[in-house]
Each structure stands twice: as structure tokens, then as C-alpha cells.
């Protein structure tokens, strides 16, 4: 579910929804949100490195770094609030900090680890799409790795880059009886950018688990071949 926040802007009340669970946000929404966070983290780290070098050995270094982190957190919260509310920077200046804090606190999903359910399919636009379980039962390990860039995809996911998954899902997830059609991948990818994050997370866990299984099978095959 999501919650509705009401704020006052120039004498008028504005309502906007804030997601509180993975199923409330699309992968494109999550990608934009994590991009904001990542950009601030990188900038904050550069600032810390600069001041650690500039004030090396200074007894007040910890205090200086602490102040930088407090200011950066305030800026980050403000930008996240702006993204969630759609308010301009100008109107953001008029918002009470208590409101900003209230909104940020609802995003507990950012600190919670997703717990997979083991799904093997998902519903989208009143149709059922299936994860590629059958494909992985065939002896197509090399073709599968090459076609889906599985290792690169999993590396991206482990680094929080879930925005790469809509294209992989467009390639691999199909309706019953649907054949692969390269000409439809771009259109499908755009549609799948609207998938909710719980569905995308399930697919990410599926890919990771299948990769481990395939690597074990491949290792066993190589071991048997060496022993022949």
C-alpha cells in the first residue's frame, strides 16, 4: 500500500502518494529514486575525501566530517521529497522540515531486504508471463549466457541497478506459447518499465538462483570430462 501526504502550497492543499512497499513502485520509479541517492553518496564521499586530506591530523576532523554528513543528509532528504511530491525547488523552500521528515520516514522500504516468494510467473496487463524455467532445463548454457549477458545482469542487480532488468524480462519472460521475437523486444521493454518492484525483485532472485544452478552443472560437467 501507499500513504497519502497532504501539504499546503500557496494557500492550496496538494495531495501526493508515497510508496511504502516494493509492490507500490515501478522499476522506473525506483531507478530514479536510487539515482538520486547514489549521486548524493558519490558527492558526499568526494567531499569527505577532500576534507580528510585537507584537515589530516586536525583534532576537529571528526566534527567537520560529521557536519558534512548532516548537511548532505538534509540535502538528500530535500531532493527525495521534491521527487516524491513533484514540487519545484522554489516551492520546496516553503515546506516545513517536519513534513519532509514525515515523508522520508515512510520510505522504510529503502532499508528493508526483500523476501522472495519463489514466484515463477507474473500478471501484467491482464496477461500471465512466465519466467524462463523451461529454457534453463535444456542444454543451452553457453547460448543462454551469451544471449542474456546473465553474468553482467546479475552484477548490475547486486550493485542495485535494477533498471537493466526490464529488457532482460522482455527477452526471457513470455506468455504461454509465445515465441521469441526480436522486433518486439524494444516495445516490451518500455512496457515492462512499469512493472512493480516486487515482480522485478522476484525475477532478480530467479536469475541469481538459476545462474548458480547452471554454474554447478557446468562445473560438474567439466569435472567429469577431466576424469574421462
C-alpha atoms as a PDB file:
ATOM      1  CA  UNK A   1       0.000   0.000   0.000  1.00  0.00           C
ATOM      2  CA  UNK A   2       0.947   3.655  -0.206  1.00  0.00           C
ATOM      3  CA  UNK A   3       0.068   6.592   2.005  1.00  0.00           C
ATOM      4  CA  UNK A   4      -1.244   9.987   1.001  1.00  0.00           C
ATOM      5  CA  UNK A   5       0.571  13.084   2.214  1.00  0.00           C
ATOM      6  CA  UNK A   6      -1.128  16.483   2.175  1.00  0.00           C
ATOM      7  CA  UNK A   7       0.888  19.689   2.109  1.00  0.00           C
ATOM      8  CA  UNK A   8      -0.100  23.320   1.736  1.00  0.00           C
ATOM      9  CA  UNK A   9       1.283  25.284  -1.207  1.00  0.00           C
ATOM     10  CA  UNK A  10       0.383  28.935  -1.688  1.00  0.00           C
ATOM     11  CA  UNK A  11      -2.860  28.543   0.225  1.00  0.00           C
ATOM     12  CA  UNK A  12      -3.908  25.367  -1.598  1.00  0.00           C
ATOM     13  CA  UNK A  13      -3.729  21.786  -0.397  1.00  0.00           C
ATOM     14  CA  UNK A  14      -1.826  19.300  -2.525  1.00  0.00           C
ATOM     15  CA  UNK A  15      -2.074  15.533  -2.077  1.00  0.00           C
ATOM     16  CA  UNK A  16       0.539  13.032  -3.268  1.00  0.00           C
ATOM     17  CA  UNK A  17       1.089   9.335  -2.652  1.00  0.00           C
ATOM     18  CA  UNK A  18       4.247   7.940  -1.100  1.00  0.00           C
ATOM     19  CA  UNK A  19       5.020   4.219  -1.671  1.00  0.00           C
ATOM     20  CA  UNK A  20       5.652   2.159   1.445  1.00  0.00           C
ATOM     21  CA  UNK A  21       6.182  -1.309  -0.078  1.00  0.00           C
ATOM     22  CA  UNK A  22       8.036  -2.798  -3.039  1.00  0.00           C
ATOM     23  CA  UNK A  23       4.743  -3.537  -4.793  1.00  0.00           C
ATOM     24  CA  UNK A  24       3.847   0.169  -4.717  1.00  0.00           C
ATOM     25  CA  UNK A  25       6.628   1.377  -7.017  1.00  0.00           C
ATOM     26  CA  UNK A  26       7.570   0.654 -10.606  1.00  0.00           C
ATOM     27  CA  UNK A  27      11.115  -0.200 -11.629  1.00  0.00           C
ATOM     28  CA  UNK A  28      11.473   3.161 -13.424  1.00  0.00           C
ATOM     29  CA  UNK A  29      10.323   4.970 -10.260  1.00  0.00           C
ATOM     30  CA  UNK A  30      12.821   3.009  -8.163  1.00  0.00           C
ATOM     31  CA  UNK A  31      15.623   3.679 -10.668  1.00  0.00           C
ATOM     32  CA  UNK A  32      15.050   7.442 -10.442  1.00  0.00           C
ATOM     33  CA  UNK A  33      14.947   7.301  -6.655  1.00  0.00           C
ATOM     34  CA  UNK A  34      18.130   5.254  -6.335  1.00  0.00           C
ATOM     35  CA  UNK A  35      19.843   7.529  -8.860  1.00  0.00           C
ATOM     36  CA  UNK A  36      19.214  10.477  -6.543  1.00  0.00           C
ATOM     37  CA  UNK A  37      20.602   8.558  -3.567  1.00  0.00           C
ATOM     38  CA  UNK A  38      23.638   7.262  -5.481  1.00  0.00           C
ATOM     39  CA  UNK A  39      24.529  10.723  -6.794  1.00  0.00           C
ATOM     40  CA  UNK A  40      24.463  12.178  -3.287  1.00  0.00           C
ATOM     41  CA  UNK A  41      26.518   9.311  -1.865  1.00  0.00           C
ATOM     42  CA  UNK A  42      29.205   9.809  -4.514  1.00  0.00           C
ATOM     43  CA  UNK A  43      29.292  13.565  -3.927  1.00  0.00           C
ATOM     44  CA  UNK A  44      29.410  13.093  -0.162  1.00  0.00           C
ATOM     45  CA  UNK A  45      32.313  10.658  -0.444  1.00  0.00           C
ATOM     46  CA  UNK A  46      34.292  13.101  -2.595  1.00  0.00           C
ATOM     47  CA  UNK A  47      33.721  15.862  -0.043  1.00  0.00           C
ATOM     48  CA  UNK A  48      34.792  13.605   2.815  1.00  0.00           C
ATOM     49  CA  UNK A  49      37.950  12.568   0.960  1.00  0.00           C
ATOM     50  CA  UNK A  50      38.766  16.230   0.268  1.00  0.00           C
ATOM     51  CA  UNK A  51      38.373  17.333   3.894  1.00  0.00           C
ATOM     52  CA  UNK A  52      40.119  14.262   5.296  1.00  0.00           C
ATOM     53  CA  UNK A  53      43.115  15.165   3.156  1.00  0.00           C
ATOM     54  CA  UNK A  54      42.891  18.900   3.878  1.00  0.00           C
ATOM     55  CA  UNK A  55      42.491  18.542   7.649  1.00  0.00           C
ATOM     56  CA  UNK A  56      44.543  15.394   8.186  1.00  0.00           C
ATOM     57  CA  UNK A  57      45.708  15.315  11.799  1.00  0.00           C
ATOM     58  CA  UNK A  58      43.337  18.121  12.833  1.00  0.00           C
ATOM     59  CA  UNK A  59      41.663  17.381  16.176  1.00  0.00           C
ATOM     60  CA  UNK A  60      38.362  18.699  14.776  1.00  0.00           C
ATOM     61  CA  UNK A  61      38.362  16.412  11.718  1.00  0.00           C
ATOM     62  CA  UNK A  62      35.601  14.135  13.054  1.00  0.00           C
ATOM     63  CA  UNK A  63      33.417  17.155  13.792  1.00  0.00           C
ATOM     64  CA  UNK A  64      33.999  18.580  10.296  1.00  0.00           C
ATOM     65  CA  UNK A  65      33.121  15.261   8.654  1.00  0.00           C
ATOM     66  CA  UNK A  66      30.060  14.915  10.882  1.00  0.00           C
ATOM     67  CA  UNK A  67      28.796  18.345   9.820  1.00  0.00           C
ATOM     68  CA  UNK A  68      29.274  17.431   6.159  1.00  0.00           C
ATOM     69  CA  UNK A  69      27.227  14.262   6.604  1.00  0.00           C
ATOM     70  CA  UNK A  70      24.413  16.118   8.391  1.00  0.00           C
ATOM     71  CA  UNK A  71      24.207  18.748   5.644  1.00  0.00           C
ATOM     72  CA  UNK A  72      24.315  16.107   2.910  1.00  0.00           C
ATOM     73  CA  UNK A  73      21.529  14.117   4.552  1.00  0.00           C
ATOM     74  CA  UNK A  74      19.380  17.252   4.681  1.00  0.00           C
ATOM     75  CA  UNK A  75      20.035  17.953   1.000  1.00  0.00           C
ATOM     76  CA  UNK A  76      19.311  14.327   0.104  1.00  0.00           C
ATOM     77  CA  UNK A  77      16.051  14.307   2.043  1.00  0.00           C
ATOM     78  CA  UNK A  78      15.038  17.523   0.340  1.00  0.00           C
ATOM     79  CA  UNK A  79      15.719  16.157  -3.128  1.00  0.00           C
ATOM     80  CA  UNK A  80      13.886  12.897  -2.389  1.00  0.00           C
ATOM     81  CA  UNK A  81      10.947  14.901  -1.077  1.00  0.00           C
ATOM     82  CA  UNK A  82      10.977  17.011  -4.244  1.00  0.00           C
ATOM     83  CA  UNK A  83      10.965  13.884  -6.399  1.00  0.00           C
ATOM     84  CA  UNK A  84       8.109  12.280  -4.449  1.00  0.00           C
ATOM     85  CA  UNK A  85       5.979  15.413  -4.255  1.00  0.00           C
ATOM     86  CA  UNK A  86       6.722  16.924  -7.643  1.00  0.00           C
ATOM     87  CA  UNK A  87       7.286  20.345  -6.053  1.00  0.00           C
ATOM     88  CA  UNK A  88       9.652  22.826  -7.664  1.00  0.00           C
ATOM     89  CA  UNK A  89      12.825  23.885  -5.833  1.00  0.00           C
ATOM     90  CA  UNK A  90      11.245  27.277  -5.224  1.00  0.00           C
ATOM     91  CA  UNK A  91       8.155  25.821  -3.580  1.00  0.00           C
ATOM     92  CA  UNK A  92      10.296  23.309  -1.693  1.00  0.00           C
ATOM     93  CA  UNK A  93      11.753  26.218   0.279  1.00  0.00           C
ATOM     94  CA  UNK A  94       8.295  26.880   1.748  1.00  0.00           C
ATOM     95  CA  UNK A  95       7.747  23.346   3.051  1.00  0.00           C
ATOM     96  CA  UNK A  96       8.089  22.681   6.763  1.00  0.00           C
ATOM     97  CA  UNK A  97      11.011  20.354   7.598  1.00  0.00           C
ATOM     98  CA  UNK A  98       8.652  18.295   9.740  1.00  0.00           C
ATOM     99  CA  UNK A  99       6.684  17.440   6.604  1.00  0.00           C
ATOM    100  CA  UNK A 100       9.859  16.457   4.775  1.00  0.00           C
ATOM    101  CA  UNK A 101      10.918  14.207   7.662  1.00  0.00           C
ATOM    102  CA  UNK A 102       7.471  12.608   7.790  1.00  0.00           C
ATOM    103  CA  UNK A 103       7.649  11.701   4.106  1.00  0.00           C
ATOM    104  CA  UNK A 104      11.212  10.356   4.293  1.00  0.00           C
ATOM    105  CA  UNK A 105      10.310   8.208   7.300  1.00  0.00           C
ATOM    106  CA  UNK A 106       7.608   6.457   5.264  1.00  0.00           C
ATOM    107  CA  UNK A 107      10.247   5.108   2.902  1.00  0.00           C
ATOM    108  CA  UNK A 108      11.238   2.325   5.265  1.00  0.00           C
ATOM    109  CA  UNK A 109      11.263   0.035   2.240  1.00  0.00           C
ATOM    110  CA  UNK A 110      14.669   1.511   1.382  1.00  0.00           C
ATOM    111  CA  UNK A 111      16.231  -0.183   4.392  1.00  0.00           C
ATOM    112  CA  UNK A 112      14.326  -3.474   4.242  1.00  0.00           C
ATOM    113  CA  UNK A 113      15.630  -6.555   2.477  1.00  0.00           C
ATOM    114  CA  UNK A 114      13.146  -8.030   0.024  1.00  0.00           C
ATOM    115  CA  UNK A 115      11.958 -11.531   0.926  1.00  0.00           C
ATOM    116  CA  UNK A 116      11.344 -13.560  -2.253  1.00  0.00           C
ATOM    117  CA  UNK A 117       8.243 -15.766  -2.534  1.00  0.00           C
ATOM    118  CA  UNK A 118       9.659 -18.073  -5.205  1.00  0.00           C
ATOM    119  CA  UNK A 119       7.332 -16.807  -7.939  1.00  0.00           C
ATOM    120  CA  UNK A 120       7.743 -18.298 -11.416  1.00  0.00           C
ATOM    121  CA  UNK A 121       5.309 -16.041 -13.267  1.00  0.00           C
ATOM    122  CA  UNK A 122       3.608 -12.668 -13.003  1.00  0.00           C
ATOM    123  CA  UNK A 123       0.463 -10.900 -14.166  1.00  0.00           C
ATOM    124  CA  UNK A 124       0.789  -7.791 -16.306  1.00  0.00           C
ATOM    125  CA  UNK A 125      -1.933  -6.017 -18.263  1.00  0.00           C
ATOM    126  CA  UNK A 126      -4.283  -8.944 -17.643  1.00  0.00           C
ATOM    127  CA  UNK A 127      -1.860 -11.491 -19.110  1.00  0.00           C
ATOM    128  CA  UNK A 128       0.400 -14.066 -17.477  1.00  0.00           C
ATOM    129  CA  UNK A 129       4.121 -14.044 -18.252  1.00  0.00           C
ATOM    130  CA  UNK A 130       6.362 -16.932 -17.223  1.00  0.00           C
ATOM    131  CA  UNK A 131       9.965 -16.923 -16.080  1.00  0.00           C
ATOM    132  CA  UNK A 132      12.215 -18.970 -18.452  1.00  0.00           C
ATOM    133  CA  UNK A 133      12.316 -22.175 -16.395  1.00  0.00           C
ATOM    134  CA  UNK A 134      11.874 -24.474 -19.384  1.00  0.00           C
ATOM    135  CA  UNK A 135      14.687 -22.802 -21.340  1.00  0.00           C
ATOM    136  CA  UNK A 136      17.059 -23.444 -18.478  1.00  0.00           C
ATOM    137  CA  UNK A 137      16.238 -27.165 -18.414  1.00  0.00           C
ATOM    138  CA  UNK A 138      17.767 -27.538 -21.884  1.00  0.00           C
ATOM    139  CA  UNK A 139      21.477 -27.860 -22.657  1.00  0.00           C
ATOM    140  CA  UNK A 140      21.811 -24.236 -23.727  1.00  0.00           C
ATOM    141  CA  UNK A 141      24.085 -22.882 -21.021  1.00  0.00           C
ATOM    142  CA  UNK A 142      26.507 -21.192 -23.421  1.00  0.00           C
ATOM    143  CA  UNK A 143      23.765 -19.810 -25.636  1.00  0.00           C
ATOM    144  CA  UNK A 144      21.809 -18.612 -22.628  1.00  0.00           C
ATOM    145  CA  UNK A 145      24.773 -16.794 -21.089  1.00  0.00           C
ATOM    146  CA  UNK A 146      25.626 -15.166 -24.409  1.00  0.00           C
ATOM    147  CA  UNK A 147      22.060 -14.192 -25.289  1.00  0.00           C
ATOM    148  CA  UNK A 148      21.122 -12.668 -21.932  1.00  0.00           C
ATOM    149  CA  UNK A 149      24.501 -11.453 -20.658  1.00  0.00           C
ATOM    150  CA  UNK A 150      23.467 -13.157 -17.435  1.00  0.00           C
ATOM    151  CA  UNK A 151      26.665 -12.507 -15.523  1.00  0.00           C
ATOM    152  CA  UNK A 152      26.595  -8.786 -16.346  1.00  0.00           C
ATOM    153  CA  UNK A 153      22.922  -8.583 -15.422  1.00  0.00           C
ATOM    154  CA  UNK A 154      23.484 -10.223 -12.044  1.00  0.00           C
ATOM    155  CA  UNK A 155      26.446  -7.924 -11.348  1.00  0.00           C
ATOM    156  CA  UNK A 156      24.225  -4.930 -12.111  1.00  0.00           C
ATOM    157  CA  UNK A 157      21.494  -6.228  -9.802  1.00  0.00           C
ATOM    158  CA  UNK A 158      23.971  -6.834  -6.985  1.00  0.00           C
ATOM    159  CA  UNK A 159      25.010  -3.181  -7.362  1.00  0.00           C
ATOM    160  CA  UNK A 160      21.408  -2.018  -7.146  1.00  0.00           C
ATOM    161  CA  UNK A 161      20.978  -1.469 -10.909  1.00  0.00           C
ATOM    162  CA  UNK A 162      17.506  -2.955 -11.312  1.00  0.00           C
ATOM    163  CA  UNK A 163      16.849  -0.688 -14.300  1.00  0.00           C
ATOM    164  CA  UNK A 164      18.635  -3.238 -16.529  1.00  0.00           C
ATOM    165  CA  UNK A 165      16.020  -5.894 -15.798  1.00  0.00           C
ATOM    166  CA  UNK A 166      13.032  -4.735 -17.905  1.00  0.00           C
ATOM    167  CA  UNK A 167      14.978  -5.547 -21.088  1.00  0.00           C
ATOM    168  CA  UNK A 168      16.068  -8.946 -19.737  1.00  0.00           C
ATOM    169  CA  UNK A 169      12.495  -9.694 -18.717  1.00  0.00           C
ATOM    170  CA  UNK A 170      11.292  -8.605 -22.168  1.00  0.00           C
ATOM    171  CA  UNK A 171      13.664 -11.160 -23.700  1.00  0.00           C
ATOM    172  CA  UNK A 172      13.108 -14.036 -21.298  1.00  0.00           C
ATOM    173  CA  UNK A 173       9.600 -13.727 -19.844  1.00  0.00           C
ATOM    174  CA  UNK A 174       6.887 -14.863 -22.236  1.00  0.00           C
ATOM    175  CA  UNK A 175       3.238 -15.789 -22.331  1.00  0.00           C
ATOM    176  CA  UNK A 176       2.235 -19.411 -22.834  1.00  0.00           C
ATOM    177  CA  UNK A 177       3.060 -20.404 -26.414  1.00  0.00           C
ATOM    178  CA  UNK A 178       4.827 -17.110 -27.176  1.00  0.00           C
ATOM    179  CA  UNK A 179       7.957 -17.363 -29.320  1.00  0.00           C
ATOM    180  CA  UNK A 180      10.957 -15.045 -29.150  1.00  0.00           C
ATOM    181  CA  UNK A 181      10.550 -12.067 -31.481  1.00  0.00           C
ATOM    182  CA  UNK A 182      13.464  -9.641 -31.542  1.00  0.00           C
ATOM    183  CA  UNK A 183      11.344  -6.959 -33.224  1.00  0.00           C
ATOM    184  CA  UNK A 184       9.069  -6.773 -30.163  1.00  0.00           C
ATOM    185  CA  UNK A 185      11.772  -6.518 -27.503  1.00  0.00           C
ATOM    186  CA  UNK A 186      12.048  -2.704 -27.512  1.00  0.00           C
ATOM    187  CA  UNK A 187       8.281  -2.277 -27.173  1.00  0.00           C
ATOM    188  CA  UNK A 188       8.099  -4.936 -24.469  1.00  0.00           C
ATOM    189  CA  UNK A 189      10.984  -3.333 -22.584  1.00  0.00           C
ATOM    190  CA  UNK A 190       9.177   0.016 -22.448  1.00  0.00           C
ATOM    191  CA  UNK A 191       6.046  -1.686 -21.134  1.00  0.00           C
ATOM    192  CA  UNK A 192       7.993  -3.652 -18.534  1.00  0.00           C
ATOM    193  CA  UNK A 193       9.491  -0.447 -17.120  1.00  0.00           C
ATOM    194  CA  UNK A 194       6.091  -0.091 -15.465  1.00  0.00           C
ATOM    195  CA  UNK A 195       6.384  -3.435 -13.679  1.00  0.00           C
ATOM    196  CA  UNK A 196       6.245  -3.177  -9.904  1.00  0.00           C
ATOM    197  CA  UNK A 197       9.428  -3.721  -7.958  1.00  0.00           C
ATOM    198  CA  UNK A 198       8.199  -6.851  -6.166  1.00  0.00           C
ATOM    199  CA  UNK A 199       7.846  -8.578  -9.570  1.00  0.00           C
ATOM    200  CA  UNK A 200      11.258  -7.336 -10.705  1.00  0.00           C
ATOM    201  CA  UNK A 201      12.856  -8.453  -7.440  1.00  0.00           C
ATOM    202  CA  UNK A 202      11.359 -11.938  -7.857  1.00  0.00           C
ATOM    203  CA  UNK A 203      12.880 -12.136 -11.328  1.00  0.00           C
ATOM    204  CA  UNK A 204      16.251 -10.950  -9.990  1.00  0.00           C
ATOM    205  CA  UNK A 205      16.278 -13.726  -7.384  1.00  0.00           C
ATOM    206  CA  UNK A 206      15.193 -16.218 -10.039  1.00  0.00           C
ATOM    207  CA  UNK A 207      18.093 -15.217 -12.314  1.00  0.00           C
ATOM    208  CA  UNK A 208      20.603 -15.400  -9.477  1.00  0.00           C
ATOM    209  CA  UNK A 209      19.425 -18.858  -8.398  1.00  0.00           C
ATOM    210  CA  UNK A 210      19.383 -20.192 -11.962  1.00  0.00           C
ATOM    211  CA  UNK A 211      22.879 -18.853 -12.578  1.00  0.00           C
ATOM    212  CA  UNK A 212      24.157 -20.703  -9.512  1.00  0.00           C
ATOM    213  CA  UNK A 213      22.479 -23.921 -10.650  1.00  0.00           C
ATOM    214  CA  UNK A 214      23.874 -23.618 -14.166  1.00  0.00           C
ATOM    215  CA  UNK A 215      27.365 -22.913 -12.855  1.00  0.00           C
ATOM    216  CA  UNK A 216      27.193 -26.017 -10.638  1.00  0.00           C
ATOM    217  CA  UNK A 217      26.005 -28.142 -13.570  1.00  0.00           C
ATOM    218  CA  UNK A 218      28.740 -26.748 -15.805  1.00  0.00           C
ATOM    219  CA  UNK A 219      31.406 -27.340 -13.145  1.00  0.00           C
ATOM    220  CA  UNK A 220      30.204 -30.925 -12.657  1.00  0.00           C
ATOM    221  CA  UNK A 221      30.299 -31.490 -16.419  1.00  0.00           C
ATOM    222  CA  UNK A 222      33.883 -30.188 -16.659  1.00  0.00           C
ATOM    223  CA  UNK A 223      34.944 -32.322 -13.708  1.00  0.00           C
ATOM    224  CA  UNK A 224      33.501 -35.483 -15.272  1.00  0.00           C
ATOM    225  CA  UNK A 225      35.132 -34.630 -18.597  1.00  0.00           C
ATOM    226  CA  UNK A 226      38.537 -34.254 -16.918  1.00  0.00           C
ATOM    227  CA  UNK A 227      38.124 -37.645 -15.247  1.00  0.00           C
ATOM    228  CA  UNK A 228      37.375 -39.479 -18.501  1.00  0.00           C
END
